[in-house]
Amino acid sequence: MLGMSRTVVGGKTKEYEFMQIRQEEGKLVFLAKPSGQAEDSFASIKLTDSEVIFENQAHDFPQRIIYRLNADGSVSARIEGAQGGQTRGIDFPLRRTKCAEGPAR
């Protein structure tokens, strides 16, 4: 599975990240390649029908990436871990949306 995110400010992309979830040796692995940083990987430590948790304790921030399937069919993503001696977490509510229709060919 491939993913991409970007942060746009004033119509210009300020940050971006390429992501991939793949299977390695029977486990799911989350790979992240943020703008200006080296790629890093997070191995799955929990996998159920409604949740997957990836973890890399050696990473600066985040150390955990969590995806949860909600009862309404939406997905919640969360990154969490220690940063500057404090435990932090950031939630990302995700929802399905229609793609804009492109020009006719």
C-alpha atoms as a PDB file:
ATOM      1  CA  MET A   1       0.000   0.000   0.000  1.00  0.00           C
ATOM      2  CA  LEU A   2       1.371   3.391  -0.946  1.00  0.00           C
ATOM      3  CA  GLY A   3       0.535   6.758   0.569  1.00  0.00           C
ATOM      4  CA  MET A   4       1.576  10.375   0.315  1.00  0.00           C
ATOM      5  CA  SER A   5       0.898  13.457   2.367  1.00  0.00           C
ATOM      6  CA  ARG A   6       1.795  17.090   1.980  1.00  0.00           C
ATOM      7  CA  THR A   7       1.474  20.281   3.962  1.00  0.00           C
ATOM      8  CA  VAL A   8       0.463  23.261   1.835  1.00  0.00           C
ATOM      9  CA  VAL A   9       0.783  26.825   3.138  1.00  0.00           C
ATOM     10  CA  GLY A  10      -0.141  29.777   0.972  1.00  0.00           C
ATOM     11  CA  GLY A  11      -0.548  27.540  -2.048  1.00  0.00           C
ATOM     12  CA  LYS A  12       2.994  26.116  -1.737  1.00  0.00           C
ATOM     13  CA  THR A  13       4.042  22.673  -0.520  1.00  0.00           C
ATOM     14  CA  LYS A  14       6.115  23.128   2.638  1.00  0.00           C
ATOM     15  CA  GLU A  15       6.514  19.472   3.654  1.00  0.00           C
ATOM     16  CA  TYR A  16       5.735  16.086   2.162  1.00  0.00           C
ATOM     17  CA  GLU A  17       6.021  12.423   3.075  1.00  0.00           C
ATOM     18  CA  PHE A  18       5.942   9.201   1.097  1.00  0.00           C
ATOM     19  CA  MET A  19       4.694   6.128   2.953  1.00  0.00           C
ATOM     20  CA  GLN A  20       4.453   2.425   2.256  1.00  0.00           C
ATOM     21  CA  ILE A  21       3.032  -0.551   4.101  1.00  0.00           C
ATOM     22  CA  ARG A  22       4.410  -3.872   2.954  1.00  0.00           C
ATOM     23  CA  GLN A  23       4.813  -7.405   4.192  1.00  0.00           C
ATOM     24  CA  GLU A  24       8.272  -8.579   5.208  1.00  0.00           C
ATOM     25  CA  GLU A  25       8.926 -12.003   6.728  1.00  0.00           C
ATOM     26  CA  GLY A  26       5.259 -12.447   7.634  1.00  0.00           C
ATOM     27  CA  LYS A  27       4.889  -9.043   9.363  1.00  0.00           C
ATOM     28  CA  LEU A  28       3.571  -5.716   8.162  1.00  0.00           C
ATOM     29  CA  VAL A  29       6.152  -2.940   8.014  1.00  0.00           C
ATOM     30  CA  PHE A  30       5.422   0.782   7.701  1.00  0.00           C
ATOM     31  CA  LEU A  31       8.087   2.725   5.772  1.00  0.00           C
ATOM     32  CA  ALA A  32       8.195   6.513   5.988  1.00  0.00           C
ATOM     33  CA  LYS A  33      10.232   8.942   3.864  1.00  0.00           C
ATOM     34  CA  PRO A  34       9.557  12.508   5.071  1.00  0.00           C
ATOM     35  CA  SER A  35      10.869  15.543   3.165  1.00  0.00           C
ATOM     36  CA  GLY A  36      14.550  16.108   3.844  1.00  0.00           C
ATOM     37  CA  GLN A  37      14.955  13.022   6.053  1.00  0.00           C
ATOM     38  CA  ALA A  38      16.176   9.461   5.663  1.00  0.00           C
ATOM     39  CA  GLU A  39      13.682   6.629   5.217  1.00  0.00           C
ATOM     40  CA  ASP A  40      12.828   4.717   8.384  1.00  0.00           C
ATOM     41  CA  SER A  41      10.732   1.641   9.120  1.00  0.00           C
ATOM     42  CA  PHE A  42       8.281   0.644  11.842  1.00  0.00           C
ATOM     43  CA  ALA A  43       7.415  -3.029  12.402  1.00  0.00           C
ATOM     44  CA  SER A  44       3.874  -4.082  13.293  1.00  0.00           C
ATOM     45  CA  ILE A  45       3.514  -5.058  16.954  1.00  0.00           C
ATOM     46  CA  LYS A  46      -0.287  -5.503  16.966  1.00  0.00           C
ATOM     47  CA  LEU A  47      -2.677  -6.483  14.194  1.00  0.00           C
ATOM     48  CA  THR A  48      -6.412  -7.081  14.617  1.00  0.00           C
ATOM     49  CA  ASP A  49      -9.453  -6.706  12.341  1.00  0.00           C
ATOM     50  CA  SER A  50      -9.780  -3.058  13.404  1.00  0.00           C
ATOM     51  CA  GLU A  51      -6.315  -1.897  14.474  1.00  0.00           C
ATOM     52  CA  VAL A  52      -2.664  -2.042  13.491  1.00  0.00           C
ATOM     53  CA  ILE A  53       0.174  -0.596  15.565  1.00  0.00           C
ATOM     54  CA  PHE A  54       3.644  -0.053  14.129  1.00  0.00           C
ATOM     55  CA  GLU A  55       6.593   0.718  16.397  1.00  0.00           C
ATOM     56  CA  ASN A  56      10.242   1.775  16.215  1.00  0.00           C
ATOM     57  CA  GLN A  57      11.586   2.722  19.647  1.00  0.00           C
ATOM     58  CA  ALA A  58      14.893   3.901  18.112  1.00  0.00           C
ATOM     59  CA  HIS A  59      13.159   6.590  16.009  1.00  0.00           C
ATOM     60  CA  ASP A  60      13.183  10.198  17.260  1.00  0.00           C
ATOM     61  CA  PHE A  61       9.465  11.031  16.859  1.00  0.00           C
ATOM     62  CA  PRO A  62       7.126   9.328  16.478  1.00  0.00           C
ATOM     63  CA  GLN A  63       7.923   5.913  17.906  1.00  0.00           C
ATOM     64  CA  ARG A  64       4.415   4.509  17.243  1.00  0.00           C
ATOM     65  CA  ILE A  65       2.012   4.796  14.322  1.00  0.00           C
ATOM     66  CA  ILE A  66      -1.530   3.560  14.909  1.00  0.00           C
ATOM     67  CA  TYR A  67      -4.397   3.010  12.468  1.00  0.00           C
ATOM     68  CA  ARG A  68      -7.893   2.205  13.771  1.00  0.00           C
ATOM     69  CA  LEU A  69     -11.041   1.336  11.834  1.00  0.00           C
ATOM     70  CA  ASN A  70     -13.977   3.129  13.476  1.00  0.00           C
ATOM     71  CA  ALA A  71     -17.526   1.774  13.765  1.00  0.00           C
ATOM     72  CA  ASP A  72     -18.775   4.228  11.096  1.00  0.00           C
ATOM     73  CA  GLY A  73     -16.204   2.931   8.573  1.00  0.00           C
ATOM     74  CA  SER A  74     -13.842   5.887   8.888  1.00  0.00           C
ATOM     75  CA  VAL A  75     -10.206   5.442   9.882  1.00  0.00           C
ATOM     76  CA  SER A  76      -8.255   7.230  12.605  1.00  0.00           C
ATOM     77  CA  ALA A  77      -4.485   7.544  12.434  1.00  0.00           C
ATOM     78  CA  ARG A  78      -2.308   8.528  15.386  1.00  0.00           C
ATOM     79  CA  ILE A  79       1.393   9.110  15.844  1.00  0.00           C
ATOM     80  CA  GLU A  80       2.824   9.114  19.335  1.00  0.00           C
ATOM     81  CA  GLY A  81       6.002   8.898  21.328  1.00  0.00           C
ATOM     82  CA  ALA A  82       8.467  10.844  23.413  1.00  0.00           C
ATOM     83  CA  GLN A  83       9.868  14.148  22.245  1.00  0.00           C
ATOM     84  CA  GLY A  84      11.995  16.449  24.400  1.00  0.00           C
ATOM     85  CA  GLY A  85      11.269  14.340  27.469  1.00  0.00           C
ATOM     86  CA  GLN A  86       7.494  14.699  26.991  1.00  0.00           C
ATOM     87  CA  THR A  87       5.016  12.131  25.716  1.00  0.00           C
ATOM     88  CA  ARG A  88       3.145  13.497  22.692  1.00  0.00           C
ATOM     89  CA  GLY A  89       0.446  12.287  20.378  1.00  0.00           C
ATOM     90  CA  ILE A  90      -1.127  13.695  17.229  1.00  0.00           C
ATOM     91  CA  ASP A  91      -4.422  12.396  15.838  1.00  0.00           C
ATOM     92  CA  PHE A  92      -5.400  12.387  12.178  1.00  0.00           C
ATOM     93  CA  PRO A  93      -9.095  11.650  11.485  1.00  0.00           C
ATOM     94  CA  LEU A  94      -9.397  10.252   7.966  1.00  0.00           C
ATOM     95  CA  ARG A  95     -12.501  10.085   5.831  1.00  0.00           C
ATOM     96  CA  ARG A  96     -13.332   8.827   2.386  1.00  0.00           C
ATOM     97  CA  THR A  97     -13.854  11.496  -0.230  1.00  0.00           C
ATOM     98  CA  LYS A  98     -14.568  11.552  -3.923  1.00  0.00           C
ATOM     99  CA  CYS A  99     -11.765  12.388  -6.316  1.00  0.00           C
ATOM    100  CA  ALA A 100     -12.215  15.422  -8.500  1.00  0.00           C
ATOM    101  CA  GLU A 101     -13.204  14.513 -12.009  1.00  0.00           C
ATOM    102  CA  GLY A 102     -10.355  15.092 -14.445  1.00  0.00           C
ATOM    103  CA  PRO A 103     -10.569  16.512 -17.937  1.00  0.00           C
ATOM    104  CA  ALA A 104     -12.187  14.351 -20.611  1.00  0.00           C
ATOM    105  CA  ARG A 105      -9.777  12.512 -22.875  1.00  0.00           C
END
